Amino acid sequence: IHGSVVKFQHPLPMDITMLPSIILAIAEQRSL
């Protein structure tokens, strides 16, 4: 968004390679 003009760009992908390590790190936590 530049001023009031909206310009679409090609979206950057989420880093799928990091997903397993992220899930593992979350699962290791004990407190909510």
PDB file of all heavy atoms in Angstrom:
ATOM      1  N   ILE A   1       0.853  -1.184   0.000  1.00  0.00           N
ATOM      2  CA  ILE A   1       0.000   0.000   0.000  1.00  0.00           C
ATOM      3  C   ILE A   1       0.880   1.222   0.000  1.00  0.00           C
ATOM      4  O   ILE A   1       1.675   1.421   0.913  1.00  0.00           O
ATOM      5  CB  ILE A   1      -0.919  -0.001   1.227  1.00  0.00           C
ATOM      6  CG1 ILE A   1      -1.746  -1.295   1.243  1.00  0.00           C
ATOM      7  CG2 ILE A   1      -1.789   1.219   1.268  1.00  0.00           C
ATOM      8  CD1 ILE A   1      -2.653  -1.408   2.404  1.00  0.00           C
ATOM      9  N   HIS A   2       0.788   2.050  -1.014  1.00  0.00           N
ATOM     10  CA  HIS A   2       1.523   3.301  -1.106  1.00  0.00           C
ATOM     11  C   HIS A   2       0.504   4.418  -1.180  1.00  0.00           C
ATOM     12  O   HIS A   2      -0.172   4.583  -2.200  1.00  0.00           O
ATOM     13  CB  HIS A   2       2.426   3.315  -2.363  1.00  0.00           C
ATOM     14  CG  HIS A   2       3.421   2.173  -2.375  1.00  0.00           C
ATOM     15  ND1 HIS A   2       4.586   2.183  -1.661  1.00  0.00           N
ATOM     16  CD2 HIS A   2       3.381   0.966  -3.026  1.00  0.00           C
ATOM     17  CE1 HIS A   2       5.260   1.058  -1.873  1.00  0.00           C
ATOM     18  NE2 HIS A   2       4.534   0.301  -2.709  1.00  0.00           N
ATOM     19  N   GLY A   3       0.368   5.161  -0.041  1.00  0.00           N
ATOM     20  CA  GLY A   3      -0.684   6.173   0.015  1.00  0.00           C
ATOM     21  C   GLY A   3      -2.014   5.486   0.015  1.00  0.00           C
ATOM     22  O   GLY A   3      -2.321   4.692   0.878  1.00  0.00           O
ATOM     23  N   SER A   4      -2.843   5.766  -0.998  1.00  0.00           N
ATOM     24  CA  SER A   4      -4.145   5.118  -1.105  1.00  0.00           C
ATOM     25  C   SER A   4      -4.198   4.164  -2.282  1.00  0.00           C
ATOM     26  O   SER A   4      -5.245   3.660  -2.626  1.00  0.00           O
ATOM     27  CB  SER A   4      -5.245   6.188  -1.271  1.00  0.00           C
ATOM     28  OG  SER A   4      -4.981   6.961  -2.426  1.00  0.00           O
ATOM     29  N   VAL A   5      -3.025   3.925  -2.896  1.00  0.00           N
ATOM     30  CA  VAL A   5      -2.976   3.046  -4.068  1.00  0.00           C
ATOM     31  C   VAL A   5      -2.558   1.650  -3.620  1.00  0.00           C
ATOM     32  O   VAL A   5      -1.533   1.473  -2.953  1.00  0.00           O
ATOM     33  CB  VAL A   5      -1.976   3.580  -5.120  1.00  0.00           C
ATOM     34  CG1 VAL A   5      -1.947   2.645  -6.323  1.00  0.00           C
ATOM     35  CG2 VAL A   5      -2.357   4.981  -5.517  1.00  0.00           C
ATOM     36  N   VAL A   6      -3.335   0.657  -3.939  1.00  0.00           N
ATOM     37  CA  VAL A   6      -3.063  -0.720  -3.565  1.00  0.00           C
ATOM     38  C   VAL A   6      -2.452  -1.441  -4.746  1.00  0.00           C
ATOM     39  O   VAL A   6      -3.008  -1.456  -5.834  1.00  0.00           O
ATOM     40  CB  VAL A   6      -4.350  -1.436  -3.120  1.00  0.00           C
ATOM     41  CG1 VAL A   6      -4.040  -2.880  -2.752  1.00  0.00           C
ATOM     42  CG2 VAL A   6      -4.997  -0.703  -1.960  1.00  0.00           C
ATOM     43  N   LYS A   7      -1.254  -2.025  -4.515  1.00  0.00           N
ATOM     44  CA  LYS A   7      -0.578  -2.778  -5.564  1.00  0.00           C
ATOM     45  C   LYS A   7      -0.298  -4.181  -5.041  1.00  0.00           C
ATOM     46  O   LYS A   7       0.262  -4.339  -3.960  1.00  0.00           O
ATOM     47  CB  LYS A   7       0.742  -2.117  -5.959  1.00  0.00           C
ATOM     48  CG  LYS A   7       0.544  -0.722  -6.571  1.00  0.00           C
ATOM     49  CD  LYS A   7       1.870  -0.135  -6.979  1.00  0.00           C
ATOM     50  CE  LYS A   7       1.684   1.234  -7.626  1.00  0.00           C
ATOM     51  NZ  LYS A   7       2.967   1.850  -8.032  1.00  0.00           N
ATOM     52  N   PHE A   8      -0.728  -5.198  -5.785  1.00  0.00           N
ATOM     53  CA  PHE A   8      -0.484  -6.576  -5.387  1.00  0.00           C
ATOM     54  C   PHE A   8       0.871  -7.036  -5.897  1.00  0.00           C
ATOM     55  O   PHE A   8       1.296  -6.658  -6.994  1.00  0.00           O
ATOM     56  CB  PHE A   8      -1.580  -7.506  -5.941  1.00  0.00           C
ATOM     57  CG  PHE A   8      -2.895  -7.334  -5.247  1.00  0.00           C
ATOM     58  CD1 PHE A   8      -3.824  -6.403  -5.690  1.00  0.00           C
ATOM     59  CD2 PHE A   8      -3.175  -8.104  -4.123  1.00  0.00           C
ATOM     60  CE1 PHE A   8      -5.024  -6.253  -5.033  1.00  0.00           C
ATOM     61  CE2 PHE A   8      -4.394  -7.946  -3.477  1.00  0.00           C
ATOM     62  CZ  PHE A   8      -5.313  -7.023  -3.927  1.00  0.00           C
ATOM     63  N   GLN A   9       1.575  -7.830  -5.031  1.00  0.00           N
ATOM     64  CA  GLN A   9       2.813  -8.446  -5.462  1.00  0.00           C
ATOM     65  C   GLN A   9       2.732  -9.931  -5.203  1.00  0.00           C
ATOM     66  O   GLN A   9       1.878 -10.400  -4.463  1.00  0.00           O
ATOM     67  CB  GLN A   9       4.002  -7.854  -4.701  1.00  0.00           C
ATOM     68  CG  GLN A   9       4.022  -8.192  -3.214  1.00  0.00           C
ATOM     69  CD  GLN A   9       5.259  -7.639  -2.556  1.00  0.00           C
ATOM     70  OE1 GLN A   9       5.793  -6.620  -2.984  1.00  0.00           O
ATOM     71  NE2 GLN A   9       5.727  -8.317  -1.520  1.00  0.00           N
ATOM     72  N   HIS A  10       3.630 -10.677  -5.803  1.00  0.00           N
ATOM     73  CA  HIS A  10       3.618 -12.125  -5.618  1.00  0.00           C
ATOM     74  C   HIS A  10       3.955 -12.458  -4.162  1.00  0.00           C
ATOM     75  O   HIS A  10       4.959 -11.973  -3.642  1.00  0.00           O
ATOM     76  CB  HIS A  10       4.647 -12.774  -6.549  1.00  0.00           C
ATOM     77  CG  HIS A  10       4.598 -14.279  -6.489  1.00  0.00           C
ATOM     78  ND1 HIS A  10       3.571 -15.009  -7.025  1.00  0.00           N
ATOM     79  CD2 HIS A  10       5.461 -15.169  -5.921  1.00  0.00           C
ATOM     80  CE1 HIS A  10       3.789 -16.298  -6.816  1.00  0.00           C
ATOM     81  NE2 HIS A  10       4.931 -16.419  -6.139  1.00  0.00           N
ATOM     82  N   PRO A  11       3.131 -13.218  -3.458  1.00  0.00           N
ATOM     83  CA  PRO A  11       3.365 -13.480  -2.043  1.00  0.00           C
ATOM     84  C   PRO A  11       4.604 -14.335  -1.805  1.00  0.00           C
ATOM     85  O   PRO A  11       4.878 -15.268  -2.570  1.00  0.00           O
ATOM     86  CB  PRO A  11       2.107 -14.229  -1.613  1.00  0.00           C
ATOM     87  CG  PRO A  11       1.594 -14.870  -2.859  1.00  0.00           C
ATOM     88  CD  PRO A  11       1.926 -13.918  -3.967  1.00  0.00           C
ATOM     89  N   LEU A  12       5.340 -14.011  -0.743  1.00  0.00           N
ATOM     90  CA  LEU A  12       6.472 -14.837  -0.342  1.00  0.00           C
ATOM     91  C   LEU A  12       5.951 -16.057   0.403  1.00  0.00           C
ATOM     92  O   LEU A  12       5.065 -15.938   1.263  1.00  0.00           O
ATOM     93  CB  LEU A  12       7.414 -14.039   0.559  1.00  0.00           C
ATOM     94  CG  LEU A  12       8.112 -12.851  -0.108  1.00  0.00           C
ATOM     95  CD1 LEU A  12       8.895 -12.075   0.931  1.00  0.00           C
ATOM     96  CD2 LEU A  12       9.031 -13.315  -1.227  1.00  0.00           C
ATOM     97  N   PRO A  13       6.458 -17.233   0.101  1.00  0.00           N
ATOM     98  CA  PRO A  13       5.920 -18.445   0.725  1.00  0.00           C
ATOM     99  C   PRO A  13       6.373 -18.573   2.181  1.00  0.00           C
ATOM    100  O   PRO A  13       7.422 -18.073   2.574  1.00  0.00           O
ATOM    101  CB  PRO A  13       6.512 -19.569  -0.131  1.00  0.00           C
ATOM    102  CG  PRO A  13       7.813 -19.002  -0.627  1.00  0.00           C
ATOM    103  CD  PRO A  13       7.564 -17.539  -0.856  1.00  0.00           C
ATOM    104  N   MET A  14       5.541 -19.254   2.988  1.00  0.00           N
ATOM    105  CA  MET A  14       5.937 -19.621   4.341  1.00  0.00           C
ATOM    106  C   MET A  14       7.060 -20.646   4.266  1.00  0.00           C
ATOM    107  O   MET A  14       7.113 -21.459   3.326  1.00  0.00           O
ATOM    108  CB  MET A  14       4.749 -20.214   5.109  1.00  0.00           C
ATOM    109  CG  MET A  14       3.623 -19.227   5.372  1.00  0.00           C
ATOM    110  SD  MET A  14       4.061 -18.050   6.636  1.00  0.00           S
ATOM    111  CE  MET A  14       2.433 -17.400   7.067  1.00  0.00           C
ATOM    112  N   ASP A  15       7.958 -20.645   5.252  1.00  0.00           N
ATOM    113  CA  ASP A  15       9.104 -21.560   5.237  1.00  0.00           C
ATOM    114  C   ASP A  15       8.645 -22.939   5.720  1.00  0.00           C
ATOM    115  O   ASP A  15       8.603 -23.226   6.917  1.00  0.00           O
ATOM    116  CB  ASP A  15      10.211 -21.016   6.136  1.00  0.00           C
ATOM    117  CG  ASP A  15      11.517 -21.802   5.977  1.00  0.00           C
ATOM    118  OD1 ASP A  15      11.483 -22.847   5.296  1.00  0.00           O
ATOM    119  OD2 ASP A  15      12.536 -21.357   6.534  1.00  0.00           O
ATOM    120  N   ILE A  16       8.289 -23.795   4.758  1.00  0.00           N
ATOM    121  CA  ILE A  16       7.746 -25.111   5.089  1.00  0.00           C
ATOM    122  C   ILE A  16       8.781 -26.006   5.730  1.00  0.00           C
ATOM    123  O   ILE A  16       8.466 -26.906   6.513  1.00  0.00           O
ATOM    124  CB  ILE A  16       7.164 -25.775   3.805  1.00  0.00           C
ATOM    125  CG1 ILE A  16       6.281 -26.978   4.176  1.00  0.00           C
ATOM    126  CG2 ILE A  16       8.297 -26.181   2.876  1.00  0.00           C
ATOM    127  CD1 ILE A  16       5.004 -26.574   4.821  1.00  0.00           C
ATOM    128  N   THR A  17      10.070 -25.763   5.424  1.00  0.00           N
ATOM    129  CA  THR A  17      11.125 -26.626   5.964  1.00  0.00           C
ATOM    130  C   THR A  17      11.285 -26.463   7.479  1.00  0.00           C
ATOM    131  O   THR A  17      11.808 -27.361   8.146  1.00  0.00           O
ATOM    132  CB  THR A  17      12.473 -26.318   5.289  1.00  0.00           C
ATOM    133  OG1 THR A  17      12.841 -24.955   5.559  1.00  0.00           O
ATOM    134  CG2 THR A  17      12.371 -26.506   3.778  1.00  0.00           C
ATOM    135  N   MET A  18      10.839 -25.322   8.001  1.00  0.00           N
ATOM    136  CA  MET A  18      10.980 -25.073   9.430  1.00  0.00           C
ATOM    137  C   MET A  18       9.808 -25.614  10.238  1.00  0.00           C
ATOM    138  O   MET A  18       9.864 -25.644  11.470  1.00  0.00           O
ATOM    139  CB  MET A  18      11.102 -23.563   9.682  1.00  0.00           C
ATOM    140  CG  MET A  18      12.358 -22.938   9.130  1.00  0.00           C
ATOM    141  SD  MET A  18      13.836 -23.590   9.945  1.00  0.00           S
ATOM    142  CE  MET A  18      13.586 -22.982  11.602  1.00  0.00           C
ATOM    143  N   LEU A  19       8.756 -26.066   9.560  1.00  0.00           N
ATOM    144  CA  LEU A  19       7.547 -26.464  10.268  1.00  0.00           C
ATOM    145  C   LEU A  19       7.765 -27.629  11.240  1.00  0.00           C
ATOM    146  O   LEU A  19       7.299 -27.567  12.385  1.00  0.00           O
ATOM    147  CB  LEU A  19       6.455 -26.804   9.253  1.00  0.00           C
ATOM    148  CG  LEU A  19       5.019 -26.863   9.803  1.00  0.00           C
ATOM    149  CD1 LEU A  19       4.669 -25.581  10.524  1.00  0.00           C
ATOM    150  CD2 LEU A  19       4.035 -27.129   8.678  1.00  0.00           C
ATOM    151  N   PRO A  20       8.485 -28.705  10.854  1.00  0.00           N
ATOM    152  CA  PRO A  20       8.677 -29.799  11.826  1.00  0.00           C
ATOM    153  C   PRO A  20       9.404 -29.350  13.097  1.00  0.00           C
ATOM    154  O   PRO A  20       9.022 -29.736  14.201  1.00  0.00           O
ATOM    155  CB  PRO A  20       9.502 -30.822  11.040  1.00  0.00           C
ATOM    156  CG  PRO A  20       9.181 -30.555   9.618  1.00  0.00           C
ATOM    157  CD  PRO A  20       9.013 -29.061   9.524  1.00  0.00           C
ATOM    158  N   SER A  21      10.463 -28.536  12.926  1.00  0.00           N
ATOM    159  CA  SER A  21      11.206 -28.084  14.106  1.00  0.00           C
ATOM    160  C   SER A  21      10.355 -27.142  14.962  1.00  0.00           C
ATOM    161  O   SER A  21      10.460 -27.131  16.196  1.00  0.00           O
ATOM    162  CB  SER A  21      12.505 -27.397  13.682  1.00  0.00           C
ATOM    163  OG  SER A  21      12.232 -26.267  12.865  1.00  0.00           O
ATOM    164  N   ILE A  22       9.492 -26.341  14.310  1.00  0.00           N
ATOM    165  CA  ILE A  22       8.592 -25.456  15.064  1.00  0.00           C
ATOM    166  C   ILE A  22       7.609 -26.274  15.889  1.00  0.00           C
ATOM    167  O   ILE A  22       7.395 -26.008  17.083  1.00  0.00           O
ATOM    168  CB  ILE A  22       7.833 -24.525  14.097  1.00  0.00           C
ATOM    169  CG1 ILE A  22       8.795 -23.508  13.473  1.00  0.00           C
ATOM    170  CG2 ILE A  22       6.691 -23.806  14.813  1.00  0.00           C
ATOM    171  CD1 ILE A  22       8.180 -22.686  12.362  1.00  0.00           C
ATOM    172  N   ILE A  23       7.008 -27.307  15.259  1.00  0.00           N
ATOM    173  CA  ILE A  23       6.046 -28.152  15.969  1.00  0.00           C
ATOM    174  C   ILE A  23       6.719 -28.868  17.140  1.00  0.00           C
ATOM    175  O   ILE A  23       6.158 -28.978  18.236  1.00  0.00           O
ATOM    176  CB  ILE A  23       5.404 -29.159  14.997  1.00  0.00           C
ATOM    177  CG1 ILE A  23       4.557 -28.412  13.952  1.00  0.00           C
ATOM    178  CG2 ILE A  23       4.567 -30.186  15.745  1.00  0.00           C
ATOM    179  CD1 ILE A  23       3.996 -29.299  12.867  1.00  0.00           C
ATOM    180  N   LEU A  24       7.956 -29.347  16.930  1.00  0.00           N
ATOM    181  CA  LEU A  24       8.691 -30.026  17.995  1.00  0.00           C
ATOM    182  C   LEU A  24       8.981 -29.076  19.157  1.00  0.00           C
ATOM    183  O   LEU A  24       8.819 -29.434  20.331  1.00  0.00           O
ATOM    184  CB  LEU A  24       9.993 -30.607  17.441  1.00  0.00           C
ATOM    185  CG  LEU A  24      10.878 -31.356  18.459  1.00  0.00           C
ATOM    186  CD1 LEU A  24      10.120 -32.551  19.026  1.00  0.00           C
ATOM    187  CD2 LEU A  24      12.180 -31.814  17.792  1.00  0.00           C
ATOM    188  N   ALA A  25       9.388 -27.849  18.828  1.00  0.00           N
ATOM    189  CA  ALA A  25       9.685 -26.870  19.871  1.00  0.00           C
ATOM    190  C   ALA A  25       8.438 -26.526  20.688  1.00  0.00           C
ATOM    191  O   ALA A  25       8.504 -26.353  21.909  1.00  0.00           O
ATOM    192  CB  ALA A  25      10.273 -25.605  19.246  1.00  0.00           C
ATOM    193  N   ILE A  26       7.305 -26.442  20.004  1.00  0.00           N
ATOM    194  CA  ILE A  26       6.053 -26.156  20.716  1.00  0.00           C
ATOM    195  C   ILE A  26       5.666 -27.316  21.625  1.00  0.00           C
ATOM    196  O   ILE A  26       5.246 -27.123  22.771  1.00  0.00           O
ATOM    197  CB  ILE A  26       4.925 -25.873  19.700  1.00  0.00           C
ATOM    198  CG1 ILE A  26       5.220 -24.578  18.920  1.00  0.00           C
ATOM    199  CG2 ILE A  26       3.572 -25.779  20.395  1.00  0.00           C
ATOM    200  CD1 ILE A  26       4.285 -24.353  17.758  1.00  0.00           C
ATOM    201  N   ALA A  27       5.843 -28.543  21.120  1.00  0.00           N
ATOM    202  CA  ALA A  27       5.454 -29.725  21.881  1.00  0.00           C
ATOM    203  C   ALA A  27       6.301 -29.908  23.137  1.00  0.00           C
ATOM    204  O   ALA A  27       5.869 -30.555  24.100  1.00  0.00           O
ATOM    205  CB  ALA A  27       5.551 -30.975  21.010  1.00  0.00           C
ATOM    206  N   GLU A  28       7.508 -29.349  23.157  1.00  0.00           N
ATOM    207  CA  GLU A  28       8.394 -29.506  24.314  1.00  0.00           C
ATOM    208  C   GLU A  28       8.011 -28.605  25.485  1.00  0.00           C
ATOM    209  O   GLU A  28       8.496 -28.802  26.598  1.00  0.00           O
ATOM    210  CB  GLU A  28       9.842 -29.212  23.907  1.00  0.00           C
ATOM    211  CG  GLU A  28      10.444 -30.287  23.003  1.00  0.00           C
ATOM    212  CD  GLU A  28      11.844 -29.927  22.549  1.00  0.00           C
ATOM    213  OE1 GLU A  28      12.219 -28.734  22.706  1.00  0.00           O
ATOM    214  OE2 GLU A  28      12.551 -30.811  22.058  1.00  0.00           O
ATOM    215  N   GLN A  29       7.160 -27.632  25.241  1.00  0.00           N
ATOM    216  CA  GLN A  29       6.783 -26.693  26.298  1.00  0.00           C
ATOM    217  C   GLN A  29       5.779 -27.343  27.252  1.00  0.00           C
ATOM    218  O   GLN A  29       4.912 -28.101  26.830  1.00  0.00           O
ATOM    219  CB  GLN A  29       6.182 -25.415  25.702  1.00  0.00           C
ATOM    220  CG  GLN A  29       7.082 -24.725  24.686  1.00  0.00           C
ATOM    221  CD  GLN A  29       8.426 -24.364  25.262  1.00  0.00           C
ATOM    222  OE1 GLN A  29       8.529 -23.907  26.401  1.00  0.00           O
ATOM    223  NE2 GLN A  29       9.473 -24.563  24.468  1.00  0.00           N
ATOM    224  N   ARG A  30       5.907 -27.014  28.542  1.00  0.00           N
ATOM    225  CA  ARG A  30       5.028 -27.595  29.553  1.00  0.00           C
ATOM    226  C   ARG A  30       3.891 -26.649  29.949  1.00  0.00           C
ATOM    227  O   ARG A  30       2.772 -27.093  30.159  1.00  0.00           O
ATOM    228  CB  ARG A  30       5.838 -27.967  30.793  1.00  0.00           C
ATOM    229  CG  ARG A  30       6.826 -29.109  30.577  1.00  0.00           C
ATOM    230  CD  ARG A  30       6.104 -30.411  30.335  1.00  0.00           C
ATOM    231  NE  ARG A  30       6.990 -31.539  30.260  1.00  0.00           N
ATOM    232  CZ  ARG A  30       7.362 -32.280  31.293  1.00  0.00           C
ATOM    233  NH1 ARG A  30       6.899 -31.974  32.502  1.00  0.00           N
ATOM    234  NH2 ARG A  30       8.159 -33.303  31.161  1.00  0.00           N
ATOM    235  N   SER A  31       4.196 -25.379  30.107  1.00  0.00           N
ATOM    236  CA  SER A  31       3.167 -24.436  30.554  1.00  0.00           C
ATOM    237  C   SER A  31       2.387 -23.894  29.364  1.00  0.00           C
ATOM    238  O   SER A  31       2.910 -23.790  28.250  1.00  0.00           O
ATOM    239  CB  SER A  31       3.793 -23.281  31.332  1.00  0.00           C
ATOM    240  OG  SER A  31       4.459 -22.395  30.469  1.00  0.00           O
ATOM    241  N   LEU A  32       1.147 -23.510  29.612  1.00  0.00           N
ATOM    242  CA  LEU A  32       0.300 -22.990  28.544  1.00  0.00           C
ATOM    243  C   LEU A  32       0.855 -21.690  27.982  1.00  0.00           C
ATOM    244  O   LEU A  32       0.864 -21.489  26.760  1.00  0.00           O
ATOM    245  CB  LEU A  32      -1.121 -22.784  29.078  1.00  0.00           C
ATOM    246  CG  LEU A  32      -2.153 -22.256  28.078  1.00  0.00           C
ATOM    247  CD1 LEU A  32      -2.284 -23.191  26.878  1.00  0.00           C
ATOM    248  CD2 LEU A  32      -3.504 -22.064  28.759  1.00  0.00           C
TER     249      LEU A  32
END
